[in-house]
C-alpha atoms as a PDB file:
ATOM      1  CA  MET A   1       0.116   0.232  -0.218  1.00  0.00           C
ATOM      2  CA  TRP A   2       2.301   2.202   0.688  1.00  0.00           C
ATOM      3  CA  ARG A   3       4.199   1.610  -2.683  1.00  0.00           C
ATOM      4  CA  GLU A   4       0.948   3.143  -4.030  1.00  0.00           C
ATOM      5  CA  THR A   5       1.138   6.297  -1.988  1.00  0.00           C
ATOM      6  CA  VAL A   6       4.653   6.933  -2.874  1.00  0.00           C
ATOM      7  CA  VAL A   7       3.418   6.557  -6.778  1.00  0.00           C
ATOM      8  CA  VAL A   8       1.200   8.838  -6.505  1.00  0.00           C
ATOM      9  CA  ILE A   9       2.886  11.688  -4.950  1.00  0.00           C
ATOM     10  CA  LEU A  10       5.753  11.566  -7.388  1.00  0.00           C
ATOM     11  CA  ILE A  11       3.014  11.537  -9.905  1.00  0.00           C
ATOM     12  CA  ALA A  12       1.199  14.640  -8.131  1.00  0.00           C
ATOM     13  CA  GLN A  13       4.467  16.568  -7.877  1.00  0.00           C
ATOM     14  CA  SER A  14       5.912  16.143 -11.197  1.00  0.00           C
ATOM     15  CA  ALA A  15       2.611  16.950 -12.610  1.00  0.00           C
ATOM     16  CA  ARG A  16       2.987  20.578 -10.350  1.00  0.00           C
ATOM     17  CA  GLY A  17       4.922  23.399 -11.501  1.00  0.00           C
ATOM     18  CA  SER A  18       7.240  25.438  -9.228  1.00  0.00           C
ATOM     19  CA  ASP A  19       4.670  28.576  -9.167  1.00  0.00           C
ATOM     20  CA  GLY A  20       2.106  25.997  -8.359  1.00  0.00           C
ATOM     21  CA  HIS A  21       0.113  25.233 -11.511  1.00  0.00           C
ATOM     22  CA  ALA A  22       0.278  22.027 -13.675  1.00  0.00           C
ATOM     23  CA  GLY A  23       3.182  21.271 -15.759  1.00  0.00           C
ATOM     24  CA  HIS A  24       2.734  22.332 -18.742  1.00  0.00           C
ATOM     25  CA  ASP A  25       5.888  23.106 -21.325  1.00  0.00           C
ATOM     26  CA  HIS A  26       6.624  26.749 -21.156  1.00  0.00           C
ATOM     27  CA  SER A  27       9.639  26.620 -22.421  1.00  0.00           C
ATOM     28  CA  ALA A  28       8.451  28.928 -25.857  1.00  0.00           C
ATOM     29  CA  GLN A  29      10.639  32.227 -26.320  1.00  0.00           C
ATOM     30  CA  VAL A  30       8.913  35.359 -25.257  1.00  0.00           C
ATOM     31  CA  PRO A  31       8.128  37.099 -28.626  1.00  0.00           C
ATOM     32  CA  SER A  32      11.081  40.244 -28.703  1.00  0.00           C
ATOM     33  CA  THR A  33       8.507  42.797 -28.774  1.00  0.00           C
ATOM     34  CA  LEU A  34       8.020  41.535 -24.776  1.00  0.00           C
ATOM     35  CA  GLN A  35      11.132  41.744 -24.015  1.00  0.00           C
ATOM     36  CA  PRO A  36      11.821  43.977 -20.607  1.00  0.00           C
ATOM     37  CA  ARG A  37      13.879  47.037 -22.137  1.00  0.00           C
ATOM     38  CA  SER A  38      15.322  49.643 -19.522  1.00  0.00           C
ATOM     39  CA  ASP A  39      16.171  51.904 -22.095  1.00  0.00           C
ATOM     40  CA  PHE A  40      12.500  51.775 -23.732  1.00  0.00           C
ATOM     41  CA  VAL A  41      10.894  52.059 -20.598  1.00  0.00           C
ATOM     42  CA  GLU A  42      12.682  55.744 -19.393  1.00  0.00           C
ATOM     43  CA  VAL A  43      12.254  56.892 -22.849  1.00  0.00           C
ATOM     44  CA  ALA A  44       8.564  56.159 -22.659  1.00  0.00           C
ATOM     45  CA  LYS A  45       8.166  57.786 -18.866  1.00  0.00           C
ATOM     46  CA  ALA A  46      10.110  60.578 -19.892  1.00  0.00           C
ATOM     47  CA  ALA A  47       6.873  61.352 -22.860  1.00  0.00           C
ATOM     48  CA  GLY A  48       4.604  60.112 -20.312  1.00  0.00           C
ATOM     49  CA  LYS A  49       3.731  57.719 -21.920  1.00  0.00           C
ATOM     50  CA  VAL A  50       2.850  54.676 -18.797  1.00  0.00           C
ATOM     51  CA  GLN A  51       0.017  52.663 -18.153  1.00  0.00           C
ATOM     52  CA  VAL A  52      -0.038  50.881 -14.535  1.00  0.00           C
ATOM     53  CA  ILE A  53      -2.316  47.593 -14.956  1.00  0.00           C
ATOM     54  CA  GLY A  54      -4.732  47.819 -12.714  1.00  0.00           C
ATOM     55  CA  VAL A  55      -5.533  50.487  -8.938  1.00  0.00           C
ATOM     56  CA  SER A  56      -3.728  50.705  -5.924  1.00  0.00           C
ATOM     57  CA  PRO A  57      -2.765  48.808  -3.766  1.00  0.00           C
ATOM     58  CA  GLU A  58      -3.544  45.407  -5.205  1.00  0.00           C
ATOM     59  CA  PHE A  59      -2.535  46.354  -9.051  1.00  0.00           C
ATOM     60  CA  TRP A  60      -1.595  42.985 -11.103  1.00  0.00           C
ATOM     61  CA  SER A  61      -2.116  40.648  -7.504  1.00  0.00           C
ATOM     62  CA  ALA A  62      -6.303  41.564  -8.012  1.00  0.00           C
ATOM     63  CA  MET A  63      -8.748  39.202  -8.141  1.00  0.00           C
ATOM     64  CA  PRO A  64     -10.794  39.962 -10.499  1.00  0.00           C
ATOM     65  CA  SER A  65      -8.754  42.221 -12.421  1.00  0.00           C
ATOM     66  CA  SER A  66      -9.994  45.595 -12.943  1.00  0.00           C
ATOM     67  CA  PRO A  67     -10.363  46.903 -15.130  1.00  0.00           C
ATOM     68  CA  THR A  68     -10.229  43.583 -17.263  1.00  0.00           C
ATOM     69  CA  SER A  69      -9.167  45.887 -20.710  1.00  0.00           C
ATOM     70  CA  TYR A  70      -7.098  48.574 -21.623  1.00  0.00           C
ATOM     71  CA  THR A  71      -6.188  50.736 -25.046  1.00  0.00           C
ATOM     72  CA  VAL A  72      -2.649  51.873 -25.705  1.00  0.00           C
ATOM     73  CA  PRO A  73      -0.458  53.541 -28.510  1.00  0.00           C
ATOM     74  CA  THR A  74       2.681  51.988 -29.347  1.00  0.00           C
ATOM     75  CA  GLY A  75       5.216  52.946 -27.562  1.00  0.00           C
ATOM     76  CA  THR A  76       3.546  53.015 -23.997  1.00  0.00           C
ATOM     77  CA  ALA A  77       5.162  51.212 -21.131  1.00  0.00           C
ATOM     78  CA  LEU A  78       3.041  48.544 -19.513  1.00  0.00           C
ATOM     79  CA  THR A  79       3.437  48.593 -15.405  1.00  0.00           C
ATOM     80  CA  PHE A  80       3.015  45.478 -13.480  1.00  0.00           C
ATOM     81  CA  ARG A  81       3.215  45.633  -9.814  1.00  0.00           C
ATOM     82  CA  PHE A  82       2.571  42.072  -7.864  1.00  0.00           C
ATOM     83  CA  SER A  83       3.064  40.210  -4.575  1.00  0.00           C
ATOM     84  CA  MET A  84       5.055  37.013  -4.892  1.00  0.00           C
ATOM     85  CA  GLU A  85       1.944  34.952  -4.648  1.00  0.00           C
ATOM     86  CA  HIS A  86       1.346  35.532  -8.602  1.00  0.00           C
ATOM     87  CA  ASN A  87       2.944  36.072 -11.851  1.00  0.00           C
ATOM     88  CA  LEU A  88       2.146  36.654 -15.526  1.00  0.00           C
ATOM     89  CA  TYR A  89       1.652  35.110 -18.768  1.00  0.00           C
ATOM     90  CA  LEU A  90       1.206  35.947 -21.877  1.00  0.00           C
ATOM     91  CA  MET A  91      -1.879  33.416 -23.628  1.00  0.00           C
ATOM     92  CA  GLY A  92      -1.708  32.215 -26.856  1.00  0.00           C
ATOM     93  CA  SER A  93      -5.434  33.321 -28.335  1.00  0.00           C
ATOM     94  CA  LYS A  94      -8.575  35.228 -27.498  1.00  0.00           C
ATOM     95  CA  ALA A  95     -10.334  31.434 -27.084  1.00  0.00           C
ATOM     96  CA  ALA A  96      -7.966  30.384 -24.898  1.00  0.00           C
ATOM     97  CA  TYR A  97      -8.058  33.670 -22.761  1.00  0.00           C
ATOM     98  CA  ASP A  98     -11.951  33.102 -22.731  1.00  0.00           C
ATOM     99  CA  SER A  99     -11.462  29.772 -21.653  1.00  0.00           C
ATOM    100  CA  CYS A 100      -8.453  29.891 -19.409  1.00  0.00           C
ATOM    101  CA  ASP A 101      -6.355  27.403 -21.610  1.00  0.00           C
ATOM    102  CA  LEU A 102      -2.980  27.670 -20.009  1.00  0.00           C
ATOM    103  CA  SER A 103      -1.427  25.178 -22.205  1.00  0.00           C
ATOM    104  CA  ASP A 104       0.049  27.309 -25.105  1.00  0.00           C
ATOM    105  CA  SER A 105       0.806  30.107 -22.631  1.00  0.00           C
ATOM    106  CA  ILE A 106       4.361  31.539 -22.028  1.00  0.00           C
ATOM    107  CA  GLU A 107       5.991  33.143 -19.457  1.00  0.00           C
ATOM    108  CA  LEU A 108       6.485  37.118 -18.566  1.00  0.00           C
ATOM    109  CA  ALA A 109       7.297  37.312 -15.330  1.00  0.00           C
ATOM    110  CA  GLY A 110       7.353  35.445 -12.101  1.00  0.00           C
ATOM    111  CA  MET A 111       6.814  35.309  -9.002  1.00  0.00           C
ATOM    112  CA  HIS A 112       9.782  36.111  -7.656  1.00  0.00           C
ATOM    113  CA  ILE A 113      11.101  39.059 -10.141  1.00  0.00           C
ATOM    114  CA  HIS A 114      11.435  41.656  -6.950  1.00  0.00           C
ATOM    115  CA  GLY A 115      12.282  45.410  -8.045  1.00  0.00           C
ATOM    116  CA  GLY A 116       8.763  46.743  -6.652  1.00  0.00           C
ATOM    117  CA  GLU A 117       9.764  49.993  -5.412  1.00  0.00           C
ATOM    118  CA  ALA A 118       9.487  50.916  -1.146  1.00  0.00           C
ATOM    119  CA  GLY A 119       5.977  51.089  -0.201  1.00  0.00           C
ATOM    120  CA  GLN A 120       4.879  48.804  -3.155  1.00  0.00           C
ATOM    121  CA  PRO A 121       3.908  45.167  -4.537  1.00  0.00           C
ATOM    122  CA  PRO A 122       7.523  43.181  -4.225  1.00  0.00           C
ATOM    123  CA  ASN A 123       7.476  42.717  -7.513  1.00  0.00           C
ATOM    124  CA  LEU A 124       7.602  44.856 -10.600  1.00  0.00           C
ATOM    125  CA  TYR A 125       7.399  44.404 -14.664  1.00  0.00           C
ATOM    126  CA  GLU A 126       7.809  46.731 -17.005  1.00  0.00           C
ATOM    127  CA  VAL A 127       7.400  46.220 -20.464  1.00  0.00           C
ATOM    128  CA  VAL A 128       6.814  48.800 -23.532  1.00  0.00           C
ATOM    129  CA  MET A 129       4.530  47.988 -25.893  1.00  0.00           C
ATOM    130  CA  THR A 130       6.218  48.362 -29.372  1.00  0.00           C
ATOM    131  CA  THR A 131       3.946  46.078 -31.751  1.00  0.00           C
ATOM    132  CA  ALA A 132       0.074  47.174 -32.752  1.00  0.00           C
ATOM    133  CA  GLY A 133      -1.802  44.085 -31.866  1.00  0.00           C
ATOM    134  CA  THR A 134      -4.493  42.218 -29.284  1.00  0.00           C
ATOM    135  CA  TYR A 135      -2.161  40.822 -26.377  1.00  0.00           C
ATOM    136  CA  TYR A 136      -3.673  38.372 -23.353  1.00  0.00           C
ATOM    137  CA  MET A 137      -2.091  38.391 -20.250  1.00  0.00           C
ATOM    138  CA  THR A 138      -2.858  35.982 -16.992  1.00  0.00           C
ATOM    139  CA  CYS A 139      -1.654  34.867 -13.594  1.00  0.00           C
ATOM    140  CA  HIS A 140      -0.724  31.028 -14.369  1.00  0.00           C
ATOM    141  CA  VAL A 141      -1.038  30.690 -10.556  1.00  0.00           C
ATOM    142  CA  ALA A 142      -4.079  27.701 -10.144  1.00  0.00           C
ATOM    143  CA  GLY A 143      -7.339  28.970 -10.332  1.00  0.00           C
ATOM    144  CA  HIS A 144      -6.388  32.706 -10.368  1.00  0.00           C
ATOM    145  CA  CYS A 145      -7.087  32.611 -14.561  1.00  0.00           C
ATOM    146  CA  GLY A 146     -10.423  31.552 -13.552  1.00  0.00           C
ATOM    147  CA  SER A 147     -11.153  33.869 -10.779  1.00  0.00           C
ATOM    148  CA  GLY A 148     -11.032  37.072 -13.281  1.00  0.00           C
ATOM    149  CA  GLN A 149      -7.319  37.654 -13.279  1.00  0.00           C
ATOM    150  CA  LYS A 150      -6.437  38.149 -16.634  1.00  0.00           C
ATOM    151  CA  ILE A 151      -6.596  41.458 -19.381  1.00  0.00           C
ATOM    152  CA  THR A 152      -6.629  41.724 -22.791  1.00  0.00           C
ATOM    153  CA  VAL A 153      -4.594  44.949 -24.082  1.00  0.00           C
ATOM    154  CA  ASN A 154      -4.907  46.336 -27.734  1.00  0.00           C
ATOM    155  CA  VAL A 155      -2.077  48.251 -28.899  1.00  0.00           C
ATOM    156  CA  VAL A 156      -2.676  50.530 -31.653  1.00  0.00           C
ATOM    157  CA  ASP A 157      -0.445  52.350 -34.116  1.00  0.00           C
ATOM    158  CA  SER A 158       0.602  55.557 -32.159  1.00  0.00           C
ATOM    159  CA  GLY A 159       0.221  57.128 -35.908  1.00  0.00           C
ATOM    160  CA  ASN A 160       2.455  60.209 -35.195  1.00  0.00           C
ATOM    161  CA  PRO A 161       2.975  62.213 -38.090  1.00  0.00           C
ATOM    162  CA  PRO A 162       7.070  62.950 -38.670  1.00  0.00           C
ATOM    163  CA  PRO A 163       7.583  66.546 -37.695  1.00  0.00           C
ATOM    164  CA  SER A 164       7.311  69.514 -40.218  1.00  0.00           C
ATOM    165  CA  PRO A 165      10.230  71.575 -41.149  1.00  0.00           C
ATOM    166  CA  SER A 166      10.659  74.808 -39.759  1.00  0.00           C
ATOM    167  CA  PRO A 167       9.220  77.557 -41.678  1.00  0.00           C
ATOM    168  CA  GLY A 168      11.918  80.131 -43.529  1.00  0.00           C
ATOM    169  CA  PRO A 169      12.633  83.534 -41.951  1.00  0.00           C
ATOM    170  CA  PRO A 170      10.156  86.088 -43.212  1.00  0.00           C
ATOM    171  CA  SER A 171      11.491  88.214 -45.724  1.00  0.00           C
ATOM    172  CA  SER A 172      12.463  92.002 -45.454  1.00  0.00           C
ATOM    173  CA  GLY A 173       9.650  94.698 -45.308  1.00  0.00           C
ATOM    174  CA  GLY A 174      10.204  97.650 -47.947  1.00  0.00           C
ATOM    175  CA  SER A 175      10.099  98.418 -51.144  1.00  0.00           C
ATOM    176  CA  GLY A 176      13.580  97.294 -52.018  1.00  0.00           C
ATOM    177  CA  CYS A 177      14.403  93.915 -53.560  1.00  0.00           C
ATOM    178  CA  GLY A 178      17.397  92.864 -51.062  1.00  0.00           C
ATOM    179  CA  GLY A 179      19.188  89.366 -51.291  1.00  0.00           C
ATOM    180  CA  GLY A 180      16.081  87.729 -50.231  1.00  0.00           C
ATOM    181  CA  CYS A 181      14.924  89.211 -52.986  1.00  0.00           C
ATOM    182  CA  ILE A 182      17.472  88.654 -55.802  1.00  0.00           C
ATOM    183  CA  GLY A 183      17.920  84.705 -53.774  1.00  0.00           C
ATOM    184  CA  GLY A 184      13.882  83.781 -54.223  1.00  0.00           C
ATOM    185  CA  ILE A 185      14.677  84.880 -57.996  1.00  0.00           C
ATOM    186  CA  VAL A 186      17.830  82.757 -58.382  1.00  0.00           C
ATOM    187  CA  GLY A 187      16.171  79.783 -56.375  1.00  0.00           C
ATOM    188  CA  GLY A 188      13.126  79.591 -58.502  1.00  0.00           C
ATOM    189  CA  SER A 189      13.108  77.849 -62.232  1.00  0.00           C
ATOM    190  CA  PHE A 190      13.354  81.342 -64.215  1.00  0.00           C
ATOM    191  CA  VAL A 191      16.640  80.941 -65.753  1.00  0.00           C
ATOM    192  CA  PRO A 192      17.857  81.383 -62.873  1.00  0.00           C
ATOM    193  CA  LEU A 193      21.602  81.939 -64.279  1.00  0.00           C
ATOM    194  CA  LEU A 194      20.611  84.632 -66.410  1.00  0.00           C
ATOM    195  CA  VAL A 195      19.238  86.591 -63.699  1.00  0.00           C
ATOM    196  CA  LEU A 196      22.402  86.183 -61.527  1.00  0.00           C
ATOM    197  CA  VAL A 197      24.115  87.074 -64.228  1.00  0.00           C
ATOM    198  CA  LEU A 198      22.063  90.100 -64.816  1.00  0.00           C
ATOM    199  CA  TRP A 199      22.299  91.316 -61.028  1.00  0.00           C
ATOM    200  CA  LEU A 200      25.972  90.981 -61.026  1.00  0.00           C
ATOM    201  CA  GLY A 201      26.045  93.577 -64.067  1.00  0.00           C
ATOM    202  CA  GLY A 202      24.086  96.004 -62.449  1.00  0.00           C
ATOM    203  CA  ALA A 203      21.124  95.458 -65.309  1.00  0.00           C
ATOM    204  CA  PHE A 204      18.303  96.090 -62.028  1.00  0.00           C
ATOM    205  CA  GLY A 205      19.637  99.652 -61.774  1.00  0.00           C
ATOM    206  CA  ALA A 206      19.725 101.577 -58.115  1.00  0.00           C
ATOM    207  CA  LYS A 207      16.699  99.091 -57.078  1.00  0.00           C
ATOM    208  CA  CYS A 208      18.551  96.223 -56.790  1.00  0.00           C
ATOM    209  CA  PRO A 209      22.165  97.369 -57.303  1.00  0.00           C
ATOM    210  CA  SER A 210      25.192  95.050 -57.976  1.00  0.00           C
ATOM    211  CA  PRO A 211      27.938  94.096 -55.230  1.00  0.00           C
ATOM    212  CA  LEU A 212      30.176  94.283 -57.791  1.00  0.00           C
ATOM    213  CA  ARG A 213      29.598  98.020 -59.352  1.00  0.00           C
ATOM    214  CA  PRO A 214      29.887 101.035 -56.906  1.00  0.00           C
ATOM    215  CA  PRO A 215      27.124 103.082 -57.424  1.00  0.00           C
ATOM    216  CA  ALA A 216      26.710 105.827 -59.657  1.00  0.00           C
ATOM    217  CA  LYS A 217      28.058 109.593 -58.095  1.00  0.00           C
ATOM    218  CA  ALA A 218      25.990 112.293 -58.451  1.00  0.00           C
ATOM    219  CA  ALA A 219      26.799 113.887 -62.156  1.00  0.00           C
ATOM    220  CA  GLU A 220      29.214 117.398 -61.793  1.00  0.00           C
ATOM    221  CA  PRO A 221      27.520 120.588 -63.483  1.00  0.00           C
ATOM    222  CA  SER A 222      29.004 121.195 -66.993  1.00  0.00           C
ATOM    223  CA  LYS A 223      31.694 123.808 -67.228  1.00  0.00           C
ATOM    224  CA  ALA A 224      29.380 125.933 -69.858  1.00  0.00           C
ATOM    225  CA  VAL A 225      26.334 126.019 -67.779  1.00  0.00           C
ATOM    226  CA  VAL A 226      29.382 127.060 -64.929  1.00  0.00           C
ATOM    227  CA  THR A 227      30.618 129.922 -67.483  1.00  0.00           C
ATOM    228  CA  ALA A 228      26.933 131.329 -68.034  1.00  0.00           C
ATOM    229  CA  ALA A 229      26.176 131.746 -64.086  1.00  0.00           C
ATOM    230  CA  SER A 230      28.965 133.304 -64.117  1.00  0.00           C
ATOM    231  CA  ALA A 231      28.570 135.539 -66.844  1.00  0.00           C
ATOM    232  CA  ALA A 232      24.902 136.493 -65.714  1.00  0.00           C
END
């Protein structure tokens, strides 16, 4: 009789994982988009793009989870705070989420990852969601998913447009042409080389003086005019 009892105990122990749940194969690699990156998290926090999961004081440890669904833009850091009686797993599909089928789930954070701040739950898991899609997450401890400790995270493309170029400096006022006017002419589509040559040659006169030609001096009165004036 004792032999049968030992066999039953060994089978029961082998069928349970270290986190107290049925022994499934969770050796699948965590997707690269869900790998914790402290540098990504710092950027997201600097931009104010942080989503804390759950509410104080239990946060992710609450059963059932509240709220159960989140919608965040790409680039948002998810923050999971939880006690050492919980963990975090990524579920394989919506069907698995609905039925709490944990056979294809992947561990994201165990019961003893630590990292929690003072006055907060001891475990802290933070990850930046860089890829749009729907993610299903739960706690793998026996009975916790069935008790409602699970969430859906909808990640939508932020669609931030590229920054627009800065406008150029305003043109100087007045009726004169000036360097800005000539620059606009030369940079335009109307035979820029010809316009440049004409400008340098002084073809535009005093309105747009050429830098290569000194300004014309005022004409002196002719000697005939001076003599006539003296005779009068």
